């Protein structure tokens, strides 16, 4: 293999960059700083013209056009768990391994989920607005108008028991809550081994004080929380979604909040991002909105950076890759 030249378009940790620079000539251009994404044909041409054989991305698309235009490419790192932005078949046909970074933002999203639960339960945003707006003149106002509830002793319903759902479960249990979990793909024994109770979705909605969504963006989960699901929730319950924006029907949620059928909700993800200015969600009562910051932590960047460099070092040493997305790439490499 010729000397390594790496094009890194993902945000990357300085320590991992230093490691990478010890084994490769590195061009580092985070898409967040450049504020642009490459079209696949443009990206392929850049790889070819620059003689790059290693590519690391977070948001850029690595489709067949990239592989066609850059025959010298030998290794691709995707700084995400999901792989929808990479053409794995095209990579495999050319004997190119594609690695990804599962779990990079698990703790970050789980922490935000719990933070949103606490913010809803204690009315933190409303309380801040009251004080910052010079509206706190009565010393007892908080005890009369801002009395919240505690997560300890409450029931948290976790919908989707993947890595993040499990991390939320652990944190909720540590706060003293009990947890109901629904995931048709996970055996009940796995749910119960973590200290939660397996439940049907209907049972969870009817009994949870907090309903937290951790589902993929897919056809089966589209508008999973619709008018019917919201009607089955407890009147004093809260909904938190830090997973797939399409899992919640926004019109149904606005209606439920307006009518007071649930106590409140928090959304970090939306069907359209950024949220359109005409969205009715912007004017719904008791709704906390954040701009998709679930994985936006320094630790997430450090984690995915370390995982990618670890994998590249294994690749160069001929060792098995731990986070390989296309194991069949070896067949083409062997031909």
C-alpha atoms as a PDB file:
ATOM      1  CA  UNK A   1       0.000   0.000   0.000  1.00  0.00           C
ATOM      2  CA  UNK A   2       1.393   3.449  -0.886  1.00  0.00           C
ATOM      3  CA  UNK A   3       2.011   6.060   1.853  1.00  0.00           C
ATOM      4  CA  UNK A   4      -1.197   7.122   3.554  1.00  0.00           C
ATOM      5  CA  UNK A   5      -2.902  10.369   2.630  1.00  0.00           C
ATOM      6  CA  UNK A   6      -6.051  10.960   4.678  1.00  0.00           C
ATOM      7  CA  UNK A   7      -8.858  13.416   4.004  1.00  0.00           C
ATOM      8  CA  UNK A   8     -10.791  13.987   7.229  1.00  0.00           C
ATOM      9  CA  UNK A   9     -14.088  15.837   6.741  1.00  0.00           C
ATOM     10  CA  UNK A  10     -15.568  14.917  10.133  1.00  0.00           C
ATOM     11  CA  UNK A  11     -15.032  16.909  13.332  1.00  0.00           C
ATOM     12  CA  UNK A  12     -12.061  15.251  14.976  1.00  0.00           C
ATOM     13  CA  UNK A  13     -10.438  15.274  18.387  1.00  0.00           C
ATOM     14  CA  UNK A  14      -6.939  16.813  18.598  1.00  0.00           C
ATOM     15  CA  UNK A  15      -5.451  13.793  20.349  1.00  0.00           C
ATOM     16  CA  UNK A  16      -6.771  11.436  17.663  1.00  0.00           C
ATOM     17  CA  UNK A  17      -5.575  13.791  14.930  1.00  0.00           C
ATOM     18  CA  UNK A  18      -2.081  13.690  16.432  1.00  0.00           C
ATOM     19  CA  UNK A  19      -2.173   9.873  16.335  1.00  0.00           C
ATOM     20  CA  UNK A  20      -3.412   9.919  12.758  1.00  0.00           C
ATOM     21  CA  UNK A  21      -0.685  12.314  11.674  1.00  0.00           C
ATOM     22  CA  UNK A  22       1.920   9.859  12.912  1.00  0.00           C
ATOM     23  CA  UNK A  23       0.819   7.330  10.285  1.00  0.00           C
ATOM     24  CA  UNK A  24      -0.554   9.524   7.483  1.00  0.00           C
ATOM     25  CA  UNK A  25      -0.353  12.845   5.711  1.00  0.00           C
ATOM     26  CA  UNK A  26      -3.610  14.415   6.914  1.00  0.00           C
ATOM     27  CA  UNK A  27      -5.841  17.102   5.440  1.00  0.00           C
ATOM     28  CA  UNK A  28      -8.367  18.081   8.106  1.00  0.00           C
ATOM     29  CA  UNK A  29     -11.453  20.056   7.076  1.00  0.00           C
ATOM     30  CA  UNK A  30     -14.402  19.490   9.424  1.00  0.00           C
ATOM     31  CA  UNK A  31     -17.659  20.003   7.596  1.00  0.00           C
ATOM     32  CA  UNK A  32     -18.918  21.925  10.617  1.00  0.00           C
ATOM     33  CA  UNK A  33     -16.177  24.511  10.241  1.00  0.00           C
ATOM     34  CA  UNK A  34     -16.304  24.601   6.432  1.00  0.00           C
ATOM     35  CA  UNK A  35     -20.126  24.642   6.572  1.00  0.00           C
ATOM     36  CA  UNK A  36     -20.392  22.621   3.399  1.00  0.00           C
ATOM     37  CA  UNK A  37     -20.871  19.068   2.195  1.00  0.00           C
ATOM     38  CA  UNK A  38     -19.347  17.632  -0.976  1.00  0.00           C
ATOM     39  CA  UNK A  39     -21.431  16.239  -3.821  1.00  0.00           C
ATOM     40  CA  UNK A  40     -20.347  12.600  -4.349  1.00  0.00           C
ATOM     41  CA  UNK A  41     -18.797  13.231  -7.770  1.00  0.00           C
ATOM     42  CA  UNK A  42     -16.980  16.293  -6.425  1.00  0.00           C
ATOM     43  CA  UNK A  43     -15.711  14.309  -3.450  1.00  0.00           C
ATOM     44  CA  UNK A  44     -14.471  11.506  -5.693  1.00  0.00           C
ATOM     45  CA  UNK A  45     -12.591  13.962  -7.911  1.00  0.00           C
ATOM     46  CA  UNK A  46     -10.995  15.582  -4.893  1.00  0.00           C
ATOM     47  CA  UNK A  47      -9.818  12.236  -3.534  1.00  0.00           C
ATOM     48  CA  UNK A  48      -8.335  11.333  -6.922  1.00  0.00           C
ATOM     49  CA  UNK A  49      -6.659  14.674  -7.560  1.00  0.00           C
ATOM     50  CA  UNK A  50      -5.214  14.813  -4.041  1.00  0.00           C
ATOM     51  CA  UNK A  51      -3.981  11.243  -4.054  1.00  0.00           C
ATOM     52  CA  UNK A  52      -5.980  10.398  -0.932  1.00  0.00           C
ATOM     53  CA  UNK A  53      -6.392   6.739  -0.014  1.00  0.00           C
ATOM     54  CA  UNK A  54      -8.129   7.234   3.354  1.00  0.00           C
ATOM     55  CA  UNK A  55     -11.442   9.087   3.772  1.00  0.00           C
ATOM     56  CA  UNK A  56     -13.171   9.954   7.056  1.00  0.00           C
ATOM     57  CA  UNK A  57     -16.618  11.581   7.000  1.00  0.00           C
ATOM     58  CA  UNK A  58     -19.501  12.308   9.311  1.00  0.00           C
ATOM     59  CA  UNK A  59     -22.121  13.937   7.093  1.00  0.00           C
ATOM     60  CA  UNK A  60     -20.773  13.671   3.524  1.00  0.00           C
ATOM     61  CA  UNK A  61     -22.209  10.954   1.287  1.00  0.00           C
ATOM     62  CA  UNK A  62     -19.897   8.207   0.060  1.00  0.00           C
ATOM     63  CA  UNK A  63     -21.832   6.831  -2.876  1.00  0.00           C
ATOM     64  CA  UNK A  64     -20.738   4.821  -5.914  1.00  0.00           C
ATOM     65  CA  UNK A  65     -19.592   7.981  -7.730  1.00  0.00           C
ATOM     66  CA  UNK A  66     -16.953   8.483  -5.029  1.00  0.00           C
ATOM     67  CA  UNK A  67     -15.519   4.998  -5.465  1.00  0.00           C
ATOM     68  CA  UNK A  68     -15.602   5.226  -9.254  1.00  0.00           C
ATOM     69  CA  UNK A  69     -13.704   8.525  -9.311  1.00  0.00           C
ATOM     70  CA  UNK A  70     -11.137   7.526  -6.663  1.00  0.00           C
ATOM     71  CA  UNK A  71      -9.668   4.115  -7.559  1.00  0.00           C
ATOM     72  CA  UNK A  72      -6.840   4.692  -5.093  1.00  0.00           C
ATOM     73  CA  UNK A  73      -9.170   4.782  -2.092  1.00  0.00           C
ATOM     74  CA  UNK A  74      -8.371   1.991   0.380  1.00  0.00           C
ATOM     75  CA  UNK A  75     -10.198   2.795   3.648  1.00  0.00           C
ATOM     76  CA  UNK A  76     -13.390   4.682   4.605  1.00  0.00           C
ATOM     77  CA  UNK A  77     -14.388   5.723   8.115  1.00  0.00           C
ATOM     78  CA  UNK A  78     -17.947   6.873   8.896  1.00  0.00           C
ATOM     79  CA  UNK A  79     -18.232   8.783  12.178  1.00  0.00           C
ATOM     80  CA  UNK A  80     -21.754   7.535  12.827  1.00  0.00           C
ATOM     81  CA  UNK A  81     -23.544   4.371  13.810  1.00  0.00           C
ATOM     82  CA  UNK A  82     -25.984   4.505  10.876  1.00  0.00           C
ATOM     83  CA  UNK A  83     -24.593   3.733   7.430  1.00  0.00           C
ATOM     84  CA  UNK A  84     -27.282   5.043   5.106  1.00  0.00           C
ATOM     85  CA  UNK A  85     -24.885   7.614   3.646  1.00  0.00           C
ATOM     86  CA  UNK A  86     -22.407   5.001   2.362  1.00  0.00           C
ATOM     87  CA  UNK A  87     -22.789   2.620  -0.587  1.00  0.00           C
ATOM     88  CA  UNK A  88     -21.461  -0.514   1.083  1.00  0.00           C
ATOM     89  CA  UNK A  89     -21.977  -2.690  -1.976  1.00  0.00           C
ATOM     90  CA  UNK A  90     -19.875  -0.373  -4.140  1.00  0.00           C
ATOM     91  CA  UNK A  91     -17.153  -0.354  -1.487  1.00  0.00           C
ATOM     92  CA  UNK A  92     -17.153  -4.135  -1.174  1.00  0.00           C
ATOM     93  CA  UNK A  93     -16.931  -4.643  -4.940  1.00  0.00           C
ATOM     94  CA  UNK A  94     -13.706  -2.651  -4.871  1.00  0.00           C
ATOM     95  CA  UNK A  95     -12.273  -4.345  -1.787  1.00  0.00           C
ATOM     96  CA  UNK A  96     -12.551  -1.235   0.401  1.00  0.00           C
ATOM     97  CA  UNK A  97     -13.424  -1.662   4.098  1.00  0.00           C
ATOM     98  CA  UNK A  98     -15.967   0.753   5.567  1.00  0.00           C
ATOM     99  CA  UNK A  99     -15.888   1.139   9.341  1.00  0.00           C
ATOM    100  CA  UNK A 100     -18.300   3.056  11.543  1.00  0.00           C
ATOM    101  CA  UNK A 101     -18.550   4.190  15.170  1.00  0.00           C
ATOM    102  CA  UNK A 102     -21.426   2.503  17.030  1.00  0.00           C
ATOM    103  CA  UNK A 103     -22.076   3.892  20.475  1.00  0.00           C
ATOM    104  CA  UNK A 104     -20.232   7.146  19.868  1.00  0.00           C
ATOM    105  CA  UNK A 105     -23.110   9.277  21.181  1.00  0.00           C
ATOM    106  CA  UNK A 106     -24.972   6.787  23.376  1.00  0.00           C
ATOM    107  CA  UNK A 107     -24.151   8.463  26.669  1.00  0.00           C
ATOM    108  CA  UNK A 108     -24.586  11.968  25.267  1.00  0.00           C
ATOM    109  CA  UNK A 109     -28.113  11.276  24.001  1.00  0.00           C
ATOM    110  CA  UNK A 110     -29.048   9.393  27.170  1.00  0.00           C
ATOM    111  CA  UNK A 111     -27.882  12.311  29.329  1.00  0.00           C
ATOM    112  CA  UNK A 112     -29.847  14.810  27.249  1.00  0.00           C
ATOM    113  CA  UNK A 113     -32.923  12.595  27.503  1.00  0.00           C
ATOM    114  CA  UNK A 114     -32.735  12.578  31.286  1.00  0.00           C
ATOM    115  CA  UNK A 115     -32.010  16.318  31.321  1.00  0.00           C
ATOM    116  CA  UNK A 116     -35.161  16.956  29.285  1.00  0.00           C
ATOM    117  CA  UNK A 117     -37.191  14.782  31.652  1.00  0.00           C
ATOM    118  CA  UNK A 118     -35.940  16.804  34.611  1.00  0.00           C
ATOM    119  CA  UNK A 119     -36.493  20.110  32.810  1.00  0.00           C
ATOM    120  CA  UNK A 120     -40.095  19.135  32.079  1.00  0.00           C
ATOM    121  CA  UNK A 121     -40.781  17.745  35.524  1.00  0.00           C
ATOM    122  CA  UNK A 122     -39.452  20.838  37.319  1.00  0.00           C
ATOM    123  CA  UNK A 123     -40.474  23.523  34.815  1.00  0.00           C
ATOM    124  CA  UNK A 124     -36.889  24.766  34.602  1.00  0.00           C
ATOM    125  CA  UNK A 125     -37.272  26.783  31.396  1.00  0.00           C
ATOM    126  CA  UNK A 126     -40.467  28.435  32.601  1.00  0.00           C
ATOM    127  CA  UNK A 127     -38.851  29.222  35.955  1.00  0.00           C
ATOM    128  CA  UNK A 128     -35.799  30.773  34.295  1.00  0.00           C
ATOM    129  CA  UNK A 129     -37.977  32.878  31.987  1.00  0.00           C
ATOM    130  CA  UNK A 130     -39.966  34.117  34.957  1.00  0.00           C
ATOM    131  CA  UNK A 131     -36.896  35.231  36.914  1.00  0.00           C
ATOM    132  CA  UNK A 132     -34.939  36.588  33.928  1.00  0.00           C
ATOM    133  CA  UNK A 133     -38.002  38.545  32.813  1.00  0.00           C
ATOM    134  CA  UNK A 134     -38.259  40.274  36.198  1.00  0.00           C
ATOM    135  CA  UNK A 135     -41.519  38.486  36.895  1.00  0.00           C
ATOM    136  CA  UNK A 136     -40.538  37.054  40.276  1.00  0.00           C
ATOM    137  CA  UNK A 137     -41.865  39.561  42.798  1.00  0.00           C
ATOM    138  CA  UNK A 138     -43.685  37.220  45.177  1.00  0.00           C
ATOM    139  CA  UNK A 139     -41.276  35.055  47.239  1.00  0.00           C
ATOM    140  CA  UNK A 140     -43.817  32.206  47.365  1.00  0.00           C
ATOM    141  CA  UNK A 141     -44.695  32.252  43.673  1.00  0.00           C
ATOM    142  CA  UNK A 142     -42.513  29.254  42.849  1.00  0.00           C
ATOM    143  CA  UNK A 143     -44.276  27.083  45.408  1.00  0.00           C
ATOM    144  CA  UNK A 144     -47.710  28.057  44.120  1.00  0.00           C
ATOM    145  CA  UNK A 145     -47.232  28.256  40.339  1.00  0.00           C
ATOM    146  CA  UNK A 146     -44.135  26.178  39.658  1.00  0.00           C
ATOM    147  CA  UNK A 147     -44.631  23.078  41.748  1.00  0.00           C
ATOM    148  CA  UNK A 148     -43.180  20.186  39.781  1.00  0.00           C
ATOM    149  CA  UNK A 149     -42.720  16.503  40.349  1.00  0.00           C
ATOM    150  CA  UNK A 150     -39.762  14.216  40.971  1.00  0.00           C
ATOM    151  CA  UNK A 151     -38.404  11.534  38.660  1.00  0.00           C
ATOM    152  CA  UNK A 152     -37.629   9.376  41.686  1.00  0.00           C
ATOM    153  CA  UNK A 153     -40.676   7.217  42.305  1.00  0.00           C
ATOM    154  CA  UNK A 154     -42.032   7.865  38.812  1.00  0.00           C
ATOM    155  CA  UNK A 155     -42.398   5.335  35.996  1.00  0.00           C
ATOM    156  CA  UNK A 156     -40.290   5.937  32.897  1.00  0.00           C
ATOM    157  CA  UNK A 157     -41.427   4.230  29.702  1.00  0.00           C
ATOM    158  CA  UNK A 158     -38.583   3.488  27.297  1.00  0.00           C
ATOM    159  CA  UNK A 159     -39.727   2.795  23.739  1.00  0.00           C
ATOM    160  CA  UNK A 160     -36.856   1.099  21.908  1.00  0.00           C
ATOM    161  CA  UNK A 161     -34.300  -0.904  23.869  1.00  0.00           C
ATOM    162  CA  UNK A 162     -31.140  -0.413  21.844  1.00  0.00           C
ATOM    163  CA  UNK A 163     -27.931   1.082  23.179  1.00  0.00           C
ATOM    164  CA  UNK A 164     -29.444   4.475  24.009  1.00  0.00           C
ATOM    165  CA  UNK A 165     -32.662   3.048  25.408  1.00  0.00           C
ATOM    166  CA  UNK A 166     -30.593   0.839  27.712  1.00  0.00           C
ATOM    167  CA  UNK A 167     -28.436   3.775  28.808  1.00  0.00           C
ATOM    168  CA  UNK A 168     -31.558   5.821  29.607  1.00  0.00           C
ATOM    169  CA  UNK A 169     -32.921   2.874  31.559  1.00  0.00           C
ATOM    170  CA  UNK A 170     -29.768   2.673  33.680  1.00  0.00           C
ATOM    171  CA  UNK A 171     -29.818   6.407  34.405  1.00  0.00           C
ATOM    172  CA  UNK A 172     -33.541   6.448  35.208  1.00  0.00           C
ATOM    173  CA  UNK A 173     -33.144   3.537  37.617  1.00  0.00           C
ATOM    174  CA  UNK A 174     -30.236   5.353  39.273  1.00  0.00           C
ATOM    175  CA  UNK A 175     -32.538   8.335  39.858  1.00  0.00           C
ATOM    176  CA  UNK A 176     -35.003   6.094  41.661  1.00  0.00           C
ATOM    177  CA  UNK A 177     -37.546   5.632  38.881  1.00  0.00           C
ATOM    178  CA  UNK A 178     -39.006   2.327  37.768  1.00  0.00           C
ATOM    179  CA  UNK A 179     -38.776   1.535  34.056  1.00  0.00           C
ATOM    180  CA  UNK A 180     -41.156  -0.093  31.596  1.00  0.00           C
ATOM    181  CA  UNK A 181     -39.561  -0.981  28.259  1.00  0.00           C
ATOM    182  CA  UNK A 182     -41.081  -1.866  24.912  1.00  0.00           C
ATOM    183  CA  UNK A 183     -39.117  -3.299  22.001  1.00  0.00           C
ATOM    184  CA  UNK A 184     -40.606  -6.089  19.859  1.00  0.00           C
ATOM    185  CA  UNK A 185     -37.108  -7.130  18.752  1.00  0.00           C
ATOM    186  CA  UNK A 186     -35.615  -7.578  22.229  1.00  0.00           C
ATOM    187  CA  UNK A 187     -36.381 -10.615  24.431  1.00  0.00           C
ATOM    188  CA  UNK A 188     -38.084  -9.851  27.737  1.00  0.00           C
ATOM    189  CA  UNK A 189     -35.229 -11.510  29.626  1.00  0.00           C
ATOM    190  CA  UNK A 190     -32.763  -8.961  28.214  1.00  0.00           C
ATOM    191  CA  UNK A 191     -34.981  -6.102  29.348  1.00  0.00           C
ATOM    192  CA  UNK A 192     -35.491  -7.569  32.800  1.00  0.00           C
ATOM    193  CA  UNK A 193     -31.768  -8.338  33.198  1.00  0.00           C
ATOM    194  CA  UNK A 194     -31.157  -4.575  33.246  1.00  0.00           C
ATOM    195  CA  UNK A 195     -33.760  -3.972  35.940  1.00  0.00           C
ATOM    196  CA  UNK A 196     -36.653  -2.837  33.738  1.00  0.00           C
ATOM    197  CA  UNK A 197     -39.980  -4.556  33.110  1.00  0.00           C
ATOM    198  CA  UNK A 198     -40.989  -5.615  29.606  1.00  0.00           C
ATOM    199  CA  UNK A 199     -44.340  -4.212  28.495  1.00  0.00           C
ATOM    200  CA  UNK A 200     -46.532  -3.851  25.465  1.00  0.00           C
ATOM    201  CA  UNK A 201     -46.646  -0.395  23.945  1.00  0.00           C
ATOM    202  CA  UNK A 202     -50.241   0.099  25.065  1.00  0.00           C
ATOM    203  CA  UNK A 203     -49.413  -0.867  28.658  1.00  0.00           C
ATOM    204  CA  UNK A 204     -46.371   1.408  28.670  1.00  0.00           C
ATOM    205  CA  UNK A 205     -48.324   4.398  27.357  1.00  0.00           C
ATOM    206  CA  UNK A 206     -51.073   3.879  29.903  1.00  0.00           C
ATOM    207  CA  UNK A 207     -48.770   3.606  32.935  1.00  0.00           C
ATOM    208  CA  UNK A 208     -45.649   5.711  32.269  1.00  0.00           C
ATOM    209  CA  UNK A 209     -45.179   9.166  33.754  1.00  0.00           C
ATOM    210  CA  UNK A 210     -42.454   9.823  31.171  1.00  0.00           C
ATOM    211  CA  UNK A 211     -42.471   8.246  27.711  1.00  0.00           C
ATOM    212  CA  UNK A 212     -39.035   8.349  26.075  1.00  0.00           C
ATOM    213  CA  UNK A 213     -38.563   7.383  22.422  1.00  0.00           C
ATOM    214  CA  UNK A 214     -35.422   5.597  21.192  1.00  0.00           C
ATOM    215  CA  UNK A 215     -36.466   4.164  17.843  1.00  0.00           C
ATOM    216  CA  UNK A 216     -34.913   4.195  14.348  1.00  0.00           C
ATOM    217  CA  UNK A 217     -36.184   6.392  11.552  1.00  0.00           C
ATOM    218  CA  UNK A 218     -38.047   3.720   9.599  1.00  0.00           C
ATOM    219  CA  UNK A 219     -41.401   2.929   8.060  1.00  0.00           C
ATOM    220  CA  UNK A 220     -42.647   0.890  11.068  1.00  0.00           C
ATOM    221  CA  UNK A 221     -41.894   3.772  13.450  1.00  0.00           C
ATOM    222  CA  UNK A 222     -43.401   6.532  11.285  1.00  0.00           C
ATOM    223  CA  UNK A 223     -45.848   8.477  13.506  1.00  0.00           C
ATOM    224  CA  UNK A 224     -45.629   5.747  16.124  1.00  0.00           C
ATOM    225  CA  UNK A 225     -46.857   8.417  18.514  1.00  0.00           C
ATOM    226  CA  UNK A 226     -50.011   9.616  16.818  1.00  0.00           C
ATOM    227  CA  UNK A 227     -53.342  10.859  18.116  1.00  0.00           C
ATOM    228  CA  UNK A 228     -54.320   7.398  19.321  1.00  0.00           C
ATOM    229  CA  UNK A 229     -51.053   6.834  21.170  1.00  0.00           C
ATOM    230  CA  UNK A 230     -51.235  10.259  22.806  1.00  0.00           C
ATOM    231  CA  UNK A 231     -54.805   9.538  23.889  1.00  0.00           C
ATOM    232  CA  UNK A 232     -53.587   6.373  25.631  1.00  0.00           C
ATOM    233  CA  UNK A 233     -50.981   8.282  27.658  1.00  0.00           C
ATOM    234  CA  UNK A 234     -51.683   9.411  31.204  1.00  0.00           C
ATOM    235  CA  UNK A 235     -53.036  12.925  31.460  1.00  0.00           C
ATOM    236  CA  UNK A 236     -50.104  14.075  33.617  1.00  0.00           C
ATOM    237  CA  UNK A 237     -47.453  12.305  31.549  1.00  0.00           C
ATOM    238  CA  UNK A 238     -44.585  13.778  29.565  1.00  0.00           C
ATOM    239  CA  UNK A 239     -43.236  12.748  26.153  1.00  0.00           C
ATOM    240  CA  UNK A 240     -39.532  12.998  25.237  1.00  0.00           C
ATOM    241  CA  UNK A 241     -38.158  12.277  21.762  1.00  0.00           C
ATOM    242  CA  UNK A 242     -34.410  12.274  21.135  1.00  0.00           C
ATOM    243  CA  UNK A 243     -34.421   9.603  18.415  1.00  0.00           C
ATOM    244  CA  UNK A 244     -36.343   9.914  15.123  1.00  0.00           C
ATOM    245  CA  UNK A 245     -38.298  13.049  14.311  1.00  0.00           C
ATOM    246  CA  UNK A 246     -40.731  11.075  12.174  1.00  0.00           C
ATOM    247  CA  UNK A 247     -41.776   8.948  15.165  1.00  0.00           C
ATOM    248  CA  UNK A 248     -44.082  11.714  16.444  1.00  0.00           C
ATOM    249  CA  UNK A 249     -47.041  13.161  14.553  1.00  0.00           C
ATOM    250  CA  UNK A 250     -46.502  16.900  15.153  1.00  0.00           C
ATOM    251  CA  UNK A 251     -50.112  17.911  14.540  1.00  0.00           C
ATOM    252  CA  UNK A 252     -51.374  15.292  16.970  1.00  0.00           C
ATOM    253  CA  UNK A 253     -48.826  16.395  19.573  1.00  0.00           C
ATOM    254  CA  UNK A 254     -49.812  20.064  19.258  1.00  0.00           C
ATOM    255  CA  UNK A 255     -53.467  19.105  19.681  1.00  0.00           C
ATOM    256  CA  UNK A 256     -52.751  16.964  22.741  1.00  0.00           C
ATOM    257  CA  UNK A 257     -50.710  19.730  24.378  1.00  0.00           C
ATOM    258  CA  UNK A 258     -53.261  22.412  23.545  1.00  0.00           C
ATOM    259  CA  UNK A 259     -56.067  20.354  25.042  1.00  0.00           C
ATOM    260  CA  UNK A 260     -53.967  19.453  28.094  1.00  0.00           C
ATOM    261  CA  UNK A 261     -54.252  15.713  27.375  1.00  0.00           C
ATOM    262  CA  UNK A 262     -50.599  15.311  28.406  1.00  0.00           C
ATOM    263  CA  UNK A 263     -48.602  17.532  30.750  1.00  0.00           C
ATOM    264  CA  UNK A 264     -45.801  18.417  28.359  1.00  0.00           C
ATOM    265  CA  UNK A 265     -43.240  17.232  25.835  1.00  0.00           C
ATOM    266  CA  UNK A 266     -39.647  17.767  24.757  1.00  0.00           C
ATOM    267  CA  UNK A 267     -38.332  17.248  21.228  1.00  0.00           C
ATOM    268  CA  UNK A 268     -34.720  17.249  20.060  1.00  0.00           C
ATOM    269  CA  UNK A 269     -35.543  15.879  16.581  1.00  0.00           C
ATOM    270  CA  UNK A 270     -38.094  16.810  13.943  1.00  0.00           C
ATOM    271  CA  UNK A 271     -39.424  15.619  10.588  1.00  0.00           C
ATOM    272  CA  UNK A 272     -37.943  18.711   8.952  1.00  0.00           C
ATOM    273  CA  UNK A 273     -34.667  20.139  10.261  1.00  0.00           C
ATOM    274  CA  UNK A 274     -34.169  22.996  10.942  1.00  0.00           C
ATOM    275  CA  UNK A 275     -37.724  23.322  12.183  1.00  0.00           C
ATOM    276  CA  UNK A 276     -39.722  25.415   9.649  1.00  0.00           C
ATOM    277  CA  UNK A 277     -40.801  28.829  10.885  1.00  0.00           C
ATOM    278  CA  UNK A 278     -44.379  27.916  10.041  1.00  0.00           C
ATOM    279  CA  UNK A 279     -44.348  24.806  12.231  1.00  0.00           C
ATOM    280  CA  UNK A 280     -47.206  24.714  14.766  1.00  0.00           C
ATOM    281  CA  UNK A 281     -44.751  23.191  17.244  1.00  0.00           C
ATOM    282  CA  UNK A 282     -43.249  26.648  17.782  1.00  0.00           C
ATOM    283  CA  UNK A 283     -46.440  27.833  19.441  1.00  0.00           C
ATOM    284  CA  UNK A 284     -47.547  24.728  21.340  1.00  0.00           C
ATOM    285  CA  UNK A 285     -47.881  25.061  25.130  1.00  0.00           C
ATOM    286  CA  UNK A 286     -45.654  23.117  27.530  1.00  0.00           C
ATOM    287  CA  UNK A 287     -43.307  22.062  24.730  1.00  0.00           C
ATOM    288  CA  UNK A 288     -39.526  22.199  25.106  1.00  0.00           C
ATOM    289  CA  UNK A 289     -37.566  22.293  21.831  1.00  0.00           C
ATOM    290  CA  UNK A 290     -33.829  21.779  21.279  1.00  0.00           C
ATOM    291  CA  UNK A 291     -31.965  21.877  17.917  1.00  0.00           C
ATOM    292  CA  UNK A 292     -30.877  18.218  17.593  1.00  0.00           C
ATOM    293  CA  UNK A 293     -28.121  18.444  20.192  1.00  0.00           C
ATOM    294  CA  UNK A 294     -28.358  14.866  21.455  1.00  0.00           C
ATOM    295  CA  UNK A 295     -24.871  13.900  20.317  1.00  0.00           C
ATOM    296  CA  UNK A 296     -23.353  17.374  20.471  1.00  0.00           C
ATOM    297  CA  UNK A 297     -20.669  16.825  23.103  1.00  0.00           C
ATOM    298  CA  UNK A 298     -16.889  16.983  23.104  1.00  0.00           C
ATOM    299  CA  UNK A 299     -16.859  13.395  24.320  1.00  0.00           C
ATOM    300  CA  UNK A 300     -18.841  12.194  21.300  1.00  0.00           C
ATOM    301  CA  UNK A 301     -16.251  13.686  18.941  1.00  0.00           C
ATOM    302  CA  UNK A 302     -13.392  12.236  20.986  1.00  0.00           C
ATOM    303  CA  UNK A 303     -15.075   8.830  20.984  1.00  0.00           C
ATOM    304  CA  UNK A 304     -15.676   8.590  17.241  1.00  0.00           C
ATOM    305  CA  UNK A 305     -12.211   9.990  16.501  1.00  0.00           C
ATOM    306  CA  UNK A 306     -10.555   7.367  18.681  1.00  0.00           C
ATOM    307  CA  UNK A 307     -12.614   4.543  17.177  1.00  0.00           C
ATOM    308  CA  UNK A 308     -11.696   5.512  13.609  1.00  0.00           C
ATOM    309  CA  UNK A 309      -7.962   5.766  14.307  1.00  0.00           C
ATOM    310  CA  UNK A 310      -8.044   2.484  16.220  1.00  0.00           C
ATOM    311  CA  UNK A 311      -9.622   0.796  13.208  1.00  0.00           C
ATOM    312  CA  UNK A 312      -7.158   2.288  10.741  1.00  0.00           C
ATOM    313  CA  UNK A 313      -4.251   1.080  12.860  1.00  0.00           C
ATOM    314  CA  UNK A 314      -5.771  -2.421  12.942  1.00  0.00           C
ATOM    315  CA  UNK A 315      -6.231  -2.317   9.172  1.00  0.00           C
ATOM    316  CA  UNK A 316      -2.601  -1.384   8.602  1.00  0.00           C
ATOM    317  CA  UNK A 317      -1.453  -4.123  10.968  1.00  0.00           C
ATOM    318  CA  UNK A 318      -3.619  -6.729   9.222  1.00  0.00           C
ATOM    319  CA  UNK A 319      -5.696  -7.278  12.359  1.00  0.00           C
ATOM    320  CA  UNK A 320      -9.470  -7.956  12.415  1.00  0.00           C
ATOM    321  CA  UNK A 321     -11.584  -4.790  12.294  1.00  0.00           C
ATOM    322  CA  UNK A 322     -14.003  -4.451  15.199  1.00  0.00           C
ATOM    323  CA  UNK A 323     -16.538  -2.090  13.624  1.00  0.00           C
ATOM    324  CA  UNK A 324     -16.576  -3.242  10.023  1.00  0.00           C
ATOM    325  CA  UNK A 325     -19.771  -2.482   8.104  1.00  0.00           C
ATOM    326  CA  UNK A 326     -19.023  -4.572   4.993  1.00  0.00           C
ATOM    327  CA  UNK A 327     -17.193  -7.794   5.902  1.00  0.00           C
ATOM    328  CA  UNK A 328     -17.610  -9.092   2.351  1.00  0.00           C
ATOM    329  CA  UNK A 329     -15.064  -6.528   1.105  1.00  0.00           C
ATOM    330  CA  UNK A 330     -12.415  -9.212   1.649  1.00  0.00           C
ATOM    331  CA  UNK A 331     -13.760 -11.309  -1.216  1.00  0.00           C
ATOM    332  CA  UNK A 332     -13.023  -8.566  -3.725  1.00  0.00           C
ATOM    333  CA  UNK A 333      -9.665  -7.857  -2.113  1.00  0.00           C
ATOM    334  CA  UNK A 334      -8.712 -11.545  -2.459  1.00  0.00           C
ATOM    335  CA  UNK A 335      -9.498 -11.716  -6.179  1.00  0.00           C
END
